[in-house]
Amino acid sequence: MSCSVNKNIPEQVVTPAKKHIIKKNYFEENLKQWNKARNSVLILVPMSGENVAIGRGIINACLLSANDASDIDFYVENTHDVDMSKLYEKFKEHNFDAIIGPVFYNEVGKYEALFRHTPIFSLSNNISINNQHVIACGLSPQEEIKKICLTIKASKLSGVLLLVPENSYANKIVQLMRQQLVKIGFNEENDVDIIRYKSITKDDATRIVQTSNRRAVFVVDPILNIDEIDDKFVFTLSSSVLNNRENWNGVIFAFDDNLNRKKMVNLYTSNFKSTPTIIDIVAYDILNAIISSIKNHTALFGTKFSGCLGNFEITKKNGIVRDLNLYKIESDELVRLEKEE
């Protein structure tokens, strides 16, 4: 595995992985020539600036994924203050099999224009960028909300109470919830109650839920005393839970957990002395899928892959389609609610 990267790369990024002994000059600033492997992958991440920690984590995850792919070349480019004209000159005659990154959805357009014929797997979770050329690979709230809404309907919980803060993020989630509920047959006026707050205590929030006639409740903050809510089902998003498990005991969310994730987390932790984020795990899964497709000469699109976040399929029409299940946190552990098929 060989990489060409820009300057200002923290040395701790290149902690030794399983077989590769990553030396200090592993990421050479100026390769004299491209390596001659038939296949290659470009990784676009912030390697300097305020988001350098995000880029560092992604590169660490990609090092683990690429560990046994010695017949594939990997190149890394810094997306912070990038000079697109120089990037074009550098890669104008290079044909990549795939691109991982950029991280942020508002960066996608310029790379999509530059690499017109290469599949781009952005690590954003904004599915509005999905098209035949670009795929958003982050854990999408749309996927989770769809699973939650279908569960509410199947459980005959007769509607939902949305108890959310007054901010742009919560507004987007409310919009997605309303759209999905209407799509599966709920009446927006009769089946959906929305309460917004600027600030709220746990006691007040719990009291609101207790007195509501809705048995399904959706929140984005850990504002409830769950132990005091016996006859309700409280839902949220996995991104809220997994970053703060201790405050979410008993709350239901859509996710998938398996031995692959646990193995990856242990390997990552032992190599890099830190815990991978969800975006690191997503990058690991996507690069594994790309490597598998290249090495086995199989289609990347339309093939089912087994990843750390469950089985998934990459489709040109719908982007990443993941198999999600329902979980909740019990004593800081993920507990699956649905039975194995």
C-alpha atoms as a PDB file:
ATOM      1  CA  MET A   1       0.000   0.000   0.000  1.00  0.00           C
ATOM      2  CA  SER A   2       1.377   3.427  -0.904  1.00  0.00           C
ATOM      3  CA  CYS A   3       0.045   6.891  -0.494  1.00  0.00           C
ATOM      4  CA  SER A   4       0.694  10.371  -1.778  1.00  0.00           C
ATOM      5  CA  VAL A   5      -0.410  13.083   0.602  1.00  0.00           C
ATOM      6  CA  ASN A   6      -0.119  16.793   1.140  1.00  0.00           C
ATOM      7  CA  LYS A   7       1.934  18.385   3.909  1.00  0.00           C
ATOM      8  CA  ASN A   8       0.961  18.972   7.543  1.00  0.00           C
ATOM      9  CA  ILE A   9       0.044  15.363   8.298  1.00  0.00           C
ATOM     10  CA  PRO A  10       0.254  14.574  11.997  1.00  0.00           C
ATOM     11  CA  GLU A  11       2.678  11.722  12.614  1.00  0.00           C
ATOM     12  CA  GLN A  12       0.237   9.968  14.949  1.00  0.00           C
ATOM     13  CA  VAL A  13      -1.980   9.269  11.947  1.00  0.00           C
ATOM     14  CA  VAL A  14       0.393   6.593  10.800  1.00  0.00           C
ATOM     15  CA  THR A  15       0.522   4.365  13.851  1.00  0.00           C
ATOM     16  CA  PRO A  16       1.509   0.833  12.820  1.00  0.00           C
ATOM     17  CA  ALA A  17      -1.322  -1.348  11.585  1.00  0.00           C
ATOM     18  CA  LYS A  18      -1.460  -5.136  11.689  1.00  0.00           C
ATOM     19  CA  LYS A  19       1.193  -6.122   9.122  1.00  0.00           C
ATOM     20  CA  HIS A  20       2.368  -2.834   7.684  1.00  0.00           C
ATOM     21  CA  ILE A  21       5.264  -1.328   9.601  1.00  0.00           C
ATOM     22  CA  ILE A  22       4.377   2.314   9.014  1.00  0.00           C
ATOM     23  CA  LYS A  23       7.571   4.288   9.184  1.00  0.00           C
ATOM     24  CA  LYS A  24       7.956   8.002   9.698  1.00  0.00           C
ATOM     25  CA  ASN A  25       8.161   8.643   5.964  1.00  0.00           C
ATOM     26  CA  TYR A  26       5.321   6.289   5.109  1.00  0.00           C
ATOM     27  CA  PHE A  27       3.274   9.133   3.654  1.00  0.00           C
ATOM     28  CA  GLU A  28       5.830  10.635   1.311  1.00  0.00           C
ATOM     29  CA  GLU A  29       5.122  14.273   0.504  1.00  0.00           C
ATOM     30  CA  ASN A  30       6.210  13.940  -3.124  1.00  0.00           C
ATOM     31  CA  LEU A  31       6.236  10.576  -4.853  1.00  0.00           C
ATOM     32  CA  LYS A  32       8.706  10.487  -7.718  1.00  0.00           C
ATOM     33  CA  GLN A  33       6.320   8.344  -9.744  1.00  0.00           C
ATOM     34  CA  TRP A  34       3.007   6.569  -9.379  1.00  0.00           C
ATOM     35  CA  ASN A  35       3.173   2.968  -8.315  1.00  0.00           C
ATOM     36  CA  LYS A  36       2.260   0.454 -10.969  1.00  0.00           C
ATOM     37  CA  ALA A  37      -0.638  -1.427  -9.425  1.00  0.00           C
ATOM     38  CA  ARG A  38      -3.527  -1.929 -11.821  1.00  0.00           C
ATOM     39  CA  ASN A  39      -6.081  -0.675  -9.311  1.00  0.00           C
ATOM     40  CA  SER A  40      -6.102   2.394  -7.098  1.00  0.00           C
ATOM     41  CA  VAL A  41      -8.331   4.250  -4.634  1.00  0.00           C
ATOM     42  CA  LEU A  42      -8.242   7.933  -3.697  1.00  0.00           C
ATOM     43  CA  ILE A  43      -9.095   9.043  -0.154  1.00  0.00           C
ATOM     44  CA  LEU A  44     -10.197  12.676   0.340  1.00  0.00           C
ATOM     45  CA  VAL A  45     -10.125  13.830   3.968  1.00  0.00           C
ATOM     46  CA  PRO A  46      -9.139  16.914   6.011  1.00  0.00           C
ATOM     47  CA  MET A  47      -5.536  16.418   7.079  1.00  0.00           C
ATOM     48  CA  SER A  48      -5.002  19.880   8.505  1.00  0.00           C
ATOM     49  CA  GLY A  49      -7.197  22.628   9.884  1.00  0.00           C
ATOM     50  CA  GLU A  50     -10.001  22.381  12.435  1.00  0.00           C
ATOM     51  CA  ASN A  51     -11.249  18.982  11.209  1.00  0.00           C
ATOM     52  CA  VAL A  52      -7.892  17.222  11.229  1.00  0.00           C
ATOM     53  CA  ALA A  53      -9.054  14.804  13.957  1.00  0.00           C
ATOM     54  CA  ILE A  54     -11.821  13.577  11.632  1.00  0.00           C
ATOM     55  CA  GLY A  55      -9.327  12.965   8.840  1.00  0.00           C
ATOM     56  CA  ARG A  56      -6.925  11.217  11.202  1.00  0.00           C
ATOM     57  CA  GLY A  57      -9.602   8.788  12.355  1.00  0.00           C
ATOM     58  CA  ILE A  58     -10.700   7.984   8.816  1.00  0.00           C
ATOM     59  CA  ILE A  59      -7.135   7.345   7.654  1.00  0.00           C
ATOM     60  CA  ASN A  60      -6.537   5.060  10.619  1.00  0.00           C
ATOM     61  CA  ALA A  61      -9.669   3.065   9.720  1.00  0.00           C
ATOM     62  CA  CYS A  62      -8.612   2.898   6.076  1.00  0.00           C
ATOM     63  CA  LEU A  63      -5.160   1.631   7.078  1.00  0.00           C
ATOM     64  CA  LEU A  64      -6.806  -1.296   8.839  1.00  0.00           C
ATOM     65  CA  SER A  65      -9.093  -2.004   5.894  1.00  0.00           C
ATOM     66  CA  ALA A  66      -6.291  -1.799   3.340  1.00  0.00           C
ATOM     67  CA  ASN A  67      -3.913  -3.944   5.343  1.00  0.00           C
ATOM     68  CA  ASP A  68      -4.233  -7.004   3.103  1.00  0.00           C
ATOM     69  CA  ALA A  69      -4.647  -5.143  -0.192  1.00  0.00           C
ATOM     70  CA  SER A  70      -1.025  -4.948  -1.292  1.00  0.00           C
ATOM     71  CA  ASP A  71      -2.054  -5.136  -4.952  1.00  0.00           C
ATOM     72  CA  ILE A  72      -4.045  -1.893  -4.745  1.00  0.00           C
ATOM     73  CA  ASP A  73      -2.534   1.599  -4.557  1.00  0.00           C
ATOM     74  CA  PHE A  74      -4.039   4.122  -2.141  1.00  0.00           C
ATOM     75  CA  TYR A  75      -3.597   7.874  -2.412  1.00  0.00           C
ATOM     76  CA  VAL A  76      -4.609  10.439   0.190  1.00  0.00           C
ATOM     77  CA  GLU A  77      -5.327  14.112  -0.497  1.00  0.00           C
ATOM     78  CA  ASN A  78      -5.929  16.875   2.000  1.00  0.00           C
ATOM     79  CA  THR A  79      -9.307  18.575   1.468  1.00  0.00           C
ATOM     80  CA  HIS A  80      -8.442  21.532   3.702  1.00  0.00           C
ATOM     81  CA  ASP A  81      -7.617  24.621   1.588  1.00  0.00           C
ATOM     82  CA  VAL A  82      -7.226  22.417  -1.472  1.00  0.00           C
ATOM     83  CA  ASP A  83      -6.042  23.935  -4.758  1.00  0.00           C
ATOM     84  CA  MET A  84      -8.371  22.284  -7.272  1.00  0.00           C
ATOM     85  CA  SER A  85      -6.306  23.280 -10.305  1.00  0.00           C
ATOM     86  CA  LYS A  86      -3.219  21.619  -8.849  1.00  0.00           C
ATOM     87  CA  LEU A  87      -5.262  18.584  -7.936  1.00  0.00           C
ATOM     88  CA  TYR A  88      -6.543  18.371 -11.489  1.00  0.00           C
ATOM     89  CA  GLU A  89      -3.034  18.545 -12.936  1.00  0.00           C
ATOM     90  CA  LYS A  90      -1.851  15.909 -10.513  1.00  0.00           C
ATOM     91  CA  PHE A  91      -4.571  13.379 -11.315  1.00  0.00           C
ATOM     92  CA  LYS A  92      -5.820  14.286 -14.797  1.00  0.00           C
ATOM     93  CA  GLU A  93      -4.353  11.131 -16.334  1.00  0.00           C
ATOM     94  CA  HIS A  94      -5.021   8.831 -13.412  1.00  0.00           C
ATOM     95  CA  ASN A  95      -8.036   6.514 -13.378  1.00  0.00           C
ATOM     96  CA  PHE A  96      -9.150   5.583  -9.878  1.00  0.00           C
ATOM     97  CA  ASP A  97     -11.467   2.658  -9.224  1.00  0.00           C
ATOM     98  CA  ALA A  98     -13.213   4.628  -6.496  1.00  0.00           C
ATOM     99  CA  ILE A  99     -12.944   7.680  -4.249  1.00  0.00           C
ATOM    100  CA  ILE A 100     -13.698   7.733  -0.528  1.00  0.00           C
ATOM    101  CA  GLY A 101     -14.624  11.212   0.680  1.00  0.00           C
ATOM    102  CA  PRO A 102     -14.968  14.061   0.950  1.00  0.00           C
ATOM    103  CA  VAL A 103     -16.417  14.143   4.447  1.00  0.00           C
ATOM    104  CA  PHE A 104     -18.749  17.134   4.129  1.00  0.00           C
ATOM    105  CA  TYR A 105     -21.644  17.287   1.673  1.00  0.00           C
ATOM    106  CA  ASN A 106     -20.939  20.902   0.640  1.00  0.00           C
ATOM    107  CA  GLU A 107     -17.521  19.817  -0.665  1.00  0.00           C
ATOM    108  CA  VAL A 108     -18.882  17.129  -2.960  1.00  0.00           C
ATOM    109  CA  GLY A 109     -19.711  19.297  -5.976  1.00  0.00           C
ATOM    110  CA  LYS A 110     -16.166  20.355  -6.829  1.00  0.00           C
ATOM    111  CA  TYR A 111     -14.819  16.798  -6.641  1.00  0.00           C
ATOM    112  CA  GLU A 112     -17.757  15.451  -8.599  1.00  0.00           C
ATOM    113  CA  ALA A 113     -16.882  17.870 -11.417  1.00  0.00           C
ATOM    114  CA  LEU A 114     -13.185  17.001 -11.260  1.00  0.00           C
ATOM    115  CA  PHE A 115     -13.570  13.203 -11.166  1.00  0.00           C
ATOM    116  CA  ARG A 116     -16.474  12.788 -13.568  1.00  0.00           C
ATOM    117  CA  HIS A 117     -16.060   9.091 -14.271  1.00  0.00           C
ATOM    118  CA  THR A 118     -15.090   7.763 -10.841  1.00  0.00           C
ATOM    119  CA  PRO A 119     -17.623   6.599  -8.210  1.00  0.00           C
ATOM    120  CA  ILE A 120     -17.432   8.956  -5.230  1.00  0.00           C
ATOM    121  CA  PHE A 121     -18.351   7.583  -1.802  1.00  0.00           C
ATOM    122  CA  SER A 122     -18.768  10.646   0.383  1.00  0.00           C
ATOM    123  CA  LEU A 123     -18.739  10.085   4.131  1.00  0.00           C
ATOM    124  CA  SER A 124     -21.571  12.584   4.529  1.00  0.00           C
ATOM    125  CA  ASN A 125     -24.978  11.317   5.690  1.00  0.00           C
ATOM    126  CA  ASN A 126     -26.844  13.885   3.569  1.00  0.00           C
ATOM    127  CA  ILE A 127     -28.623  11.717   1.002  1.00  0.00           C
ATOM    128  CA  SER A 128     -29.553  14.742  -1.101  1.00  0.00           C
ATOM    129  CA  ILE A 129     -26.160  14.338  -2.814  1.00  0.00           C
ATOM    130  CA  ASN A 130     -26.996  10.831  -4.045  1.00  0.00           C
ATOM    131  CA  ASN A 131     -26.963  10.366  -7.804  1.00  0.00           C
ATOM    132  CA  GLN A 132     -25.513   7.907 -10.293  1.00  0.00           C
ATOM    133  CA  HIS A 133     -22.043   9.294  -9.565  1.00  0.00           C
ATOM    134  CA  VAL A 134     -22.016  10.204  -5.844  1.00  0.00           C
ATOM    135  CA  ILE A 135     -23.176   8.101  -2.891  1.00  0.00           C
ATOM    136  CA  ALA A 136     -23.647   9.422   0.660  1.00  0.00           C
ATOM    137  CA  CYS A 137     -22.307   6.684   2.938  1.00  0.00           C
ATOM    138  CA  GLY A 138     -22.796   8.090   6.434  1.00  0.00           C
ATOM    139  CA  LEU A 139     -25.508   6.710   8.689  1.00  0.00           C
ATOM    140  CA  SER A 140     -28.558   8.450   7.301  1.00  0.00           C
ATOM    141  CA  PRO A 141     -31.266   9.698   9.672  1.00  0.00           C
ATOM    142  CA  GLN A 142     -33.747   8.978   6.869  1.00  0.00           C
ATOM    143  CA  GLU A 143     -32.995   5.250   7.102  1.00  0.00           C
ATOM    144  CA  GLU A 144     -33.404   5.199  10.868  1.00  0.00           C
ATOM    145  CA  ILE A 145     -36.561   7.312  10.822  1.00  0.00           C
ATOM    146  CA  LYS A 146     -38.142   5.005   8.252  1.00  0.00           C
ATOM    147  CA  LYS A 147     -37.435   1.985  10.477  1.00  0.00           C
ATOM    148  CA  ILE A 148     -38.809   3.771  13.557  1.00  0.00           C
ATOM    149  CA  CYS A 149     -41.988   4.923  11.789  1.00  0.00           C
ATOM    150  CA  LEU A 150     -42.677   1.457  10.395  1.00  0.00           C
ATOM    151  CA  THR A 151     -42.233   0.069  13.917  1.00  0.00           C
ATOM    152  CA  ILE A 152     -44.709   2.592  15.330  1.00  0.00           C
ATOM    153  CA  LYS A 153     -47.239   1.586  12.686  1.00  0.00           C
ATOM    154  CA  ALA A 154     -46.694  -2.163  13.084  1.00  0.00           C
ATOM    155  CA  SER A 155     -47.057  -1.834  16.872  1.00  0.00           C
ATOM    156  CA  LYS A 156     -50.349   0.068  16.411  1.00  0.00           C
ATOM    157  CA  LEU A 157     -49.196   2.879  18.676  1.00  0.00           C
ATOM    158  CA  SER A 158     -51.634   5.348  17.050  1.00  0.00           C
ATOM    159  CA  GLY A 159     -49.361   8.227  16.297  1.00  0.00           C
ATOM    160  CA  VAL A 160     -46.344   9.871  17.852  1.00  0.00           C
ATOM    161  CA  LEU A 161     -45.325  12.773  20.090  1.00  0.00           C
ATOM    162  CA  LEU A 162     -42.262  14.672  18.860  1.00  0.00           C
ATOM    163  CA  LEU A 163     -40.602  16.470  21.759  1.00  0.00           C
ATOM    164  CA  VAL A 164     -37.720  18.425  20.245  1.00  0.00           C
ATOM    165  CA  PRO A 165     -35.647  21.594  20.762  1.00  0.00           C
ATOM    166  CA  GLU A 166     -36.041  24.724  18.667  1.00  0.00           C
ATOM    167  CA  ASN A 167     -33.084  24.498  16.303  1.00  0.00           C
ATOM    168  CA  SER A 168     -32.385  23.783  12.636  1.00  0.00           C
ATOM    169  CA  TYR A 169     -31.275  20.192  13.234  1.00  0.00           C
ATOM    170  CA  ALA A 170     -34.454  19.313  15.116  1.00  0.00           C
ATOM    171  CA  ASN A 171     -36.525  21.074  12.444  1.00  0.00           C
ATOM    172  CA  LYS A 172     -34.993  18.804   9.810  1.00  0.00           C
ATOM    173  CA  ILE A 173     -35.703  15.698  11.882  1.00  0.00           C
ATOM    174  CA  VAL A 174     -39.308  16.788  12.435  1.00  0.00           C
ATOM    175  CA  GLN A 175     -39.727  17.302   8.704  1.00  0.00           C
ATOM    176  CA  LEU A 176     -38.370  13.831   7.969  1.00  0.00           C
ATOM    177  CA  MET A 177     -40.569  12.238  10.633  1.00  0.00           C
ATOM    178  CA  ARG A 178     -43.710  13.931   9.354  1.00  0.00           C
ATOM    179  CA  GLN A 179     -42.959  12.992   5.758  1.00  0.00           C
ATOM    180  CA  GLN A 180     -42.348   9.352   6.623  1.00  0.00           C
ATOM    181  CA  LEU A 181     -45.395   9.045   8.887  1.00  0.00           C
ATOM    182  CA  VAL A 182     -47.668  10.497   6.197  1.00  0.00           C
ATOM    183  CA  LYS A 183     -46.054   8.244   3.597  1.00  0.00           C
ATOM    184  CA  ILE A 184     -47.003   5.096   5.535  1.00  0.00           C
ATOM    185  CA  GLY A 185     -50.569   6.203   6.215  1.00  0.00           C
ATOM    186  CA  PHE A 186     -50.659   8.417   9.298  1.00  0.00           C
ATOM    187  CA  ASN A 187     -52.720  11.598   9.314  1.00  0.00           C
ATOM    188  CA  GLU A 188     -50.414  14.553   9.988  1.00  0.00           C
ATOM    189  CA  GLU A 189     -53.037  16.555  11.915  1.00  0.00           C
ATOM    190  CA  ASN A 190     -54.574  13.756  13.936  1.00  0.00           C
ATOM    191  CA  ASP A 191     -51.646  11.397  14.494  1.00  0.00           C
ATOM    192  CA  VAL A 192     -48.648  13.688  15.068  1.00  0.00           C
ATOM    193  CA  ASP A 193     -48.151  16.010  18.068  1.00  0.00           C
ATOM    194  CA  ILE A 194     -45.138  18.335  18.052  1.00  0.00           C
ATOM    195  CA  ILE A 195     -43.846  20.137  21.130  1.00  0.00           C
ATOM    196  CA  ARG A 196     -40.758  22.342  20.826  1.00  0.00           C
ATOM    197  CA  TYR A 197     -38.706  23.785  23.638  1.00  0.00           C
ATOM    198  CA  LYS A 198     -35.886  26.280  24.056  1.00  0.00           C
ATOM    199  CA  SER A 199     -34.903  24.681  27.348  1.00  0.00           C
ATOM    200  CA  ILE A 200     -36.612  22.103  29.501  1.00  0.00           C
ATOM    201  CA  THR A 201     -35.977  20.156  32.684  1.00  0.00           C
ATOM    202  CA  LYS A 202     -36.153  16.393  32.826  1.00  0.00           C
ATOM    203  CA  ASP A 203     -39.062  16.580  35.230  1.00  0.00           C
ATOM    204  CA  ASP A 204     -41.070  18.867  32.949  1.00  0.00           C
ATOM    205  CA  ALA A 205     -40.295  16.804  29.850  1.00  0.00           C
ATOM    206  CA  THR A 206     -41.230  13.598  31.650  1.00  0.00           C
ATOM    207  CA  ARG A 207     -44.487  15.133  32.835  1.00  0.00           C
ATOM    208  CA  ILE A 208     -45.391  16.134  29.266  1.00  0.00           C
ATOM    209  CA  VAL A 209     -44.836  12.584  28.062  1.00  0.00           C
ATOM    210  CA  GLN A 210     -46.734  11.055  30.980  1.00  0.00           C
ATOM    211  CA  THR A 211     -49.822  13.178  30.293  1.00  0.00           C
ATOM    212  CA  SER A 212     -49.753  12.704  26.510  1.00  0.00           C
ATOM    213  CA  ASN A 213     -52.140  10.192  24.946  1.00  0.00           C
ATOM    214  CA  ARG A 214     -49.403   9.184  22.504  1.00  0.00           C
ATOM    215  CA  ARG A 215     -47.632   5.942  23.362  1.00  0.00           C
ATOM    216  CA  ALA A 216     -44.820   6.571  20.888  1.00  0.00           C
ATOM    217  CA  VAL A 217     -42.453   9.430  21.728  1.00  0.00           C
ATOM    218  CA  PHE A 218     -39.502  10.714  19.699  1.00  0.00           C
ATOM    219  CA  VAL A 219     -36.740  12.873  21.217  1.00  0.00           C
ATOM    220  CA  VAL A 220     -33.278  13.987  20.106  1.00  0.00           C
ATOM    221  CA  ASP A 221     -31.921  14.893  23.554  1.00  0.00           C
ATOM    222  CA  PRO A 222     -31.766  12.734  26.727  1.00  0.00           C
ATOM    223  CA  ILE A 223     -34.416  14.828  28.476  1.00  0.00           C
ATOM    224  CA  LEU A 224     -36.606  12.104  29.999  1.00  0.00           C
ATOM    225  CA  ASN A 225     -36.608  10.114  33.209  1.00  0.00           C
ATOM    226  CA  ILE A 226     -37.240   6.846  31.401  1.00  0.00           C
ATOM    227  CA  ASP A 227     -37.793   4.904  34.632  1.00  0.00           C
ATOM    228  CA  GLU A 228     -40.881   7.018  35.271  1.00  0.00           C
ATOM    229  CA  ILE A 229     -42.452   6.252  31.878  1.00  0.00           C
ATOM    230  CA  ASP A 230     -43.961   2.777  31.995  1.00  0.00           C
ATOM    231  CA  ASP A 231     -46.513   2.701  29.192  1.00  0.00           C
ATOM    232  CA  LYS A 232     -44.618   4.627  26.488  1.00  0.00           C
ATOM    233  CA  PHE A 233     -42.106   3.704  23.808  1.00  0.00           C
ATOM    234  CA  VAL A 234     -39.356   6.322  23.495  1.00  0.00           C
ATOM    235  CA  PHE A 235     -37.344   6.512  20.250  1.00  0.00           C
ATOM    236  CA  THR A 236     -34.301   8.497  19.120  1.00  0.00           C
ATOM    237  CA  LEU A 237     -31.455   8.348  16.575  1.00  0.00           C
ATOM    238  CA  SER A 238     -28.393   6.138  16.957  1.00  0.00           C
ATOM    239  CA  SER A 239     -26.037   9.122  16.573  1.00  0.00           C
ATOM    240  CA  SER A 240     -27.461  10.568  19.802  1.00  0.00           C
ATOM    241  CA  VAL A 241     -27.249   7.298  21.731  1.00  0.00           C
ATOM    242  CA  LEU A 242     -23.846   6.010  20.690  1.00  0.00           C
ATOM    243  CA  ASN A 243     -22.054   9.209  21.654  1.00  0.00           C
ATOM    244  CA  ASN A 244     -23.588   9.265  25.127  1.00  0.00           C
ATOM    245  CA  ARG A 245     -24.784   5.812  26.167  1.00  0.00           C
ATOM    246  CA  GLU A 246     -25.079   6.427  29.877  1.00  0.00           C
ATOM    247  CA  ASN A 247     -27.950   8.897  29.405  1.00  0.00           C
ATOM    248  CA  TRP A 248     -30.039   6.780  27.049  1.00  0.00           C
ATOM    249  CA  ASN A 249     -30.896   3.622  28.995  1.00  0.00           C
ATOM    250  CA  GLY A 250     -34.213   2.214  27.816  1.00  0.00           C
ATOM    251  CA  VAL A 251     -34.564   4.361  24.666  1.00  0.00           C
ATOM    252  CA  ILE A 252     -35.136   2.559  21.339  1.00  0.00           C
ATOM    253  CA  PHE A 253     -33.173   3.320  18.159  1.00  0.00           C
ATOM    254  CA  ALA A 254     -32.470   1.774  14.755  1.00  0.00           C
ATOM    255  CA  PHE A 255     -28.975   0.398  14.248  1.00  0.00           C
ATOM    256  CA  ASP A 256     -27.154  -2.840  13.619  1.00  0.00           C
ATOM    257  CA  ASP A 257     -24.502  -4.384  15.798  1.00  0.00           C
ATOM    258  CA  ASN A 258     -22.459  -7.496  15.135  1.00  0.00           C
ATOM    259  CA  LEU A 259     -19.157  -9.227  15.766  1.00  0.00           C
ATOM    260  CA  ASN A 260     -17.541  -7.411  12.826  1.00  0.00           C
ATOM    261  CA  ARG A 261     -17.962  -4.075  14.578  1.00  0.00           C
ATOM    262  CA  LYS A 262     -16.613  -5.388  17.860  1.00  0.00           C
ATOM    263  CA  LYS A 263     -13.573  -6.917  16.140  1.00  0.00           C
ATOM    264  CA  MET A 264     -12.911  -3.708  14.227  1.00  0.00           C
ATOM    265  CA  VAL A 265     -13.212  -1.568  17.376  1.00  0.00           C
ATOM    266  CA  ASN A 266     -10.790  -3.834  19.247  1.00  0.00           C
ATOM    267  CA  LEU A 267      -8.291  -3.823  16.367  1.00  0.00           C
ATOM    268  CA  TYR A 268      -8.549  -0.061  15.951  1.00  0.00           C
ATOM    269  CA  THR A 269      -8.164   0.541  19.679  1.00  0.00           C
ATOM    270  CA  SER A 270      -5.140  -1.736  19.992  1.00  0.00           C
ATOM    271  CA  ASN A 271      -3.405  -0.068  17.029  1.00  0.00           C
ATOM    272  CA  PHE A 272      -4.265   3.576  17.566  1.00  0.00           C
ATOM    273  CA  LYS A 273      -4.993   3.795  21.318  1.00  0.00           C
ATOM    274  CA  SER A 274      -8.342   5.485  20.712  1.00  0.00           C
ATOM    275  CA  THR A 275     -11.909   4.442  19.926  1.00  0.00           C
ATOM    276  CA  PRO A 276     -13.179   4.742  16.342  1.00  0.00           C
ATOM    277  CA  THR A 277     -16.099   7.037  15.638  1.00  0.00           C
ATOM    278  CA  ILE A 278     -19.102   6.014  13.568  1.00  0.00           C
ATOM    279  CA  ILE A 279     -17.633   7.814  10.562  1.00  0.00           C
ATOM    280  CA  ASP A 280     -14.400   5.795  10.944  1.00  0.00           C
ATOM    281  CA  ILE A 281     -16.420   2.581  10.964  1.00  0.00           C
ATOM    282  CA  VAL A 282     -18.383   3.698   7.886  1.00  0.00           C
ATOM    283  CA  ALA A 283     -15.122   4.405   6.032  1.00  0.00           C
ATOM    284  CA  TYR A 284     -13.786   0.985   7.044  1.00  0.00           C
ATOM    285  CA  ASP A 285     -16.913  -0.767   5.728  1.00  0.00           C
ATOM    286  CA  ILE A 286     -16.968   1.122   2.433  1.00  0.00           C
ATOM    287  CA  LEU A 287     -13.270   0.580   1.722  1.00  0.00           C
ATOM    288  CA  ASN A 288     -13.655  -3.127   2.541  1.00  0.00           C
ATOM    289  CA  ALA A 289     -16.479  -3.310  -0.010  1.00  0.00           C
ATOM    290  CA  ILE A 290     -14.376  -1.549  -2.658  1.00  0.00           C
ATOM    291  CA  ILE A 291     -11.383  -3.811  -2.004  1.00  0.00           C
ATOM    292  CA  SER A 292     -13.589  -6.920  -2.136  1.00  0.00           C
ATOM    293  CA  SER A 293     -15.077  -5.810  -5.435  1.00  0.00           C
ATOM    294  CA  ILE A 294     -11.642  -5.184  -6.956  1.00  0.00           C
ATOM    295  CA  LYS A 295      -9.990  -8.366  -5.705  1.00  0.00           C
ATOM    296  CA  ASN A 296     -12.900 -10.684  -6.510  1.00  0.00           C
ATOM    297  CA  HIS A 297     -13.822  -9.005  -9.809  1.00  0.00           C
ATOM    298  CA  THR A 298     -17.407  -8.559  -8.642  1.00  0.00           C
ATOM    299  CA  ALA A 299     -19.827  -5.684  -9.059  1.00  0.00           C
ATOM    300  CA  LEU A 300     -19.601  -2.913  -6.483  1.00  0.00           C
ATOM    301  CA  PHE A 301     -23.147  -1.775  -7.090  1.00  0.00           C
ATOM    302  CA  GLY A 302     -25.971  -4.205  -6.391  1.00  0.00           C
ATOM    303  CA  THR A 303     -23.854  -6.582  -4.300  1.00  0.00           C
ATOM    304  CA  LYS A 304     -24.668  -7.382  -0.657  1.00  0.00           C
ATOM    305  CA  PHE A 305     -21.780  -6.746   1.730  1.00  0.00           C
ATOM    306  CA  SER A 306     -21.394  -7.675   5.390  1.00  0.00           C
ATOM    307  CA  GLY A 307     -20.000  -4.790   7.395  1.00  0.00           C
ATOM    308  CA  CYS A 308     -19.424  -3.582  10.934  1.00  0.00           C
ATOM    309  CA  LEU A 309     -22.756  -1.771  10.790  1.00  0.00           C
ATOM    310  CA  GLY A 310     -24.647  -4.756   9.409  1.00  0.00           C
ATOM    311  CA  ASN A 311     -25.358  -5.959   5.908  1.00  0.00           C
ATOM    312  CA  PHE A 312     -25.563  -3.256   3.281  1.00  0.00           C
ATOM    313  CA  GLU A 313     -25.931  -2.792  -0.448  1.00  0.00           C
ATOM    314  CA  ILE A 314     -24.603   0.049  -2.589  1.00  0.00           C
ATOM    315  CA  THR A 315     -27.175   1.072  -5.188  1.00  0.00           C
ATOM    316  CA  LYS A 316     -27.046   3.804  -7.794  1.00  0.00           C
ATOM    317  CA  LYS A 317     -30.731   4.588  -7.311  1.00  0.00           C
ATOM    318  CA  ASN A 318     -31.024   4.680  -3.509  1.00  0.00           C
ATOM    319  CA  GLY A 319     -27.415   4.980  -2.342  1.00  0.00           C
ATOM    320  CA  ILE A 320     -26.431   2.874   0.671  1.00  0.00           C
ATOM    321  CA  VAL A 321     -29.225   0.553   1.785  1.00  0.00           C
ATOM    322  CA  ARG A 322     -28.554  -0.917   5.224  1.00  0.00           C
ATOM    323  CA  ASP A 323     -30.366  -3.656   7.112  1.00  0.00           C
ATOM    324  CA  LEU A 324     -31.348  -1.957  10.366  1.00  0.00           C
ATOM    325  CA  ASN A 325     -32.723  -3.529  13.533  1.00  0.00           C
ATOM    326  CA  LEU A 326     -34.119  -2.111  16.757  1.00  0.00           C
ATOM    327  CA  TYR A 327     -31.866  -1.744  19.799  1.00  0.00           C
ATOM    328  CA  LYS A 328     -31.891  -0.126  23.179  1.00  0.00           C
ATOM    329  CA  ILE A 329     -29.262   0.510  25.815  1.00  0.00           C
ATOM    330  CA  GLU A 330     -29.392  -1.596  28.977  1.00  0.00           C
ATOM    331  CA  SER A 331     -26.632  -1.111  31.548  1.00  0.00           C
ATOM    332  CA  ASP A 332     -24.468   0.573  28.904  1.00  0.00           C
ATOM    333  CA  GLU A 333     -24.822  -2.418  26.550  1.00  0.00           C
ATOM    334  CA  LEU A 334     -26.584  -2.603  23.178  1.00  0.00           C
ATOM    335  CA  VAL A 335     -29.512  -5.010  23.365  1.00  0.00           C
ATOM    336  CA  ARG A 336     -31.290  -6.120  20.206  1.00  0.00           C
ATOM    337  CA  LEU A 337     -35.082  -6.074  20.498  1.00  0.00           C
ATOM    338  CA  GLU A 338     -35.983  -7.980  17.354  1.00  0.00           C
ATOM    339  CA  LYS A 339     -35.421 -11.686  17.061  1.00  0.00           C
ATOM    340  CA  GLU A 340     -32.938 -13.121  14.603  1.00  0.00           C
ATOM    341  CA  GLU A 341     -34.629 -14.389  11.459  1.00  0.00           C
END
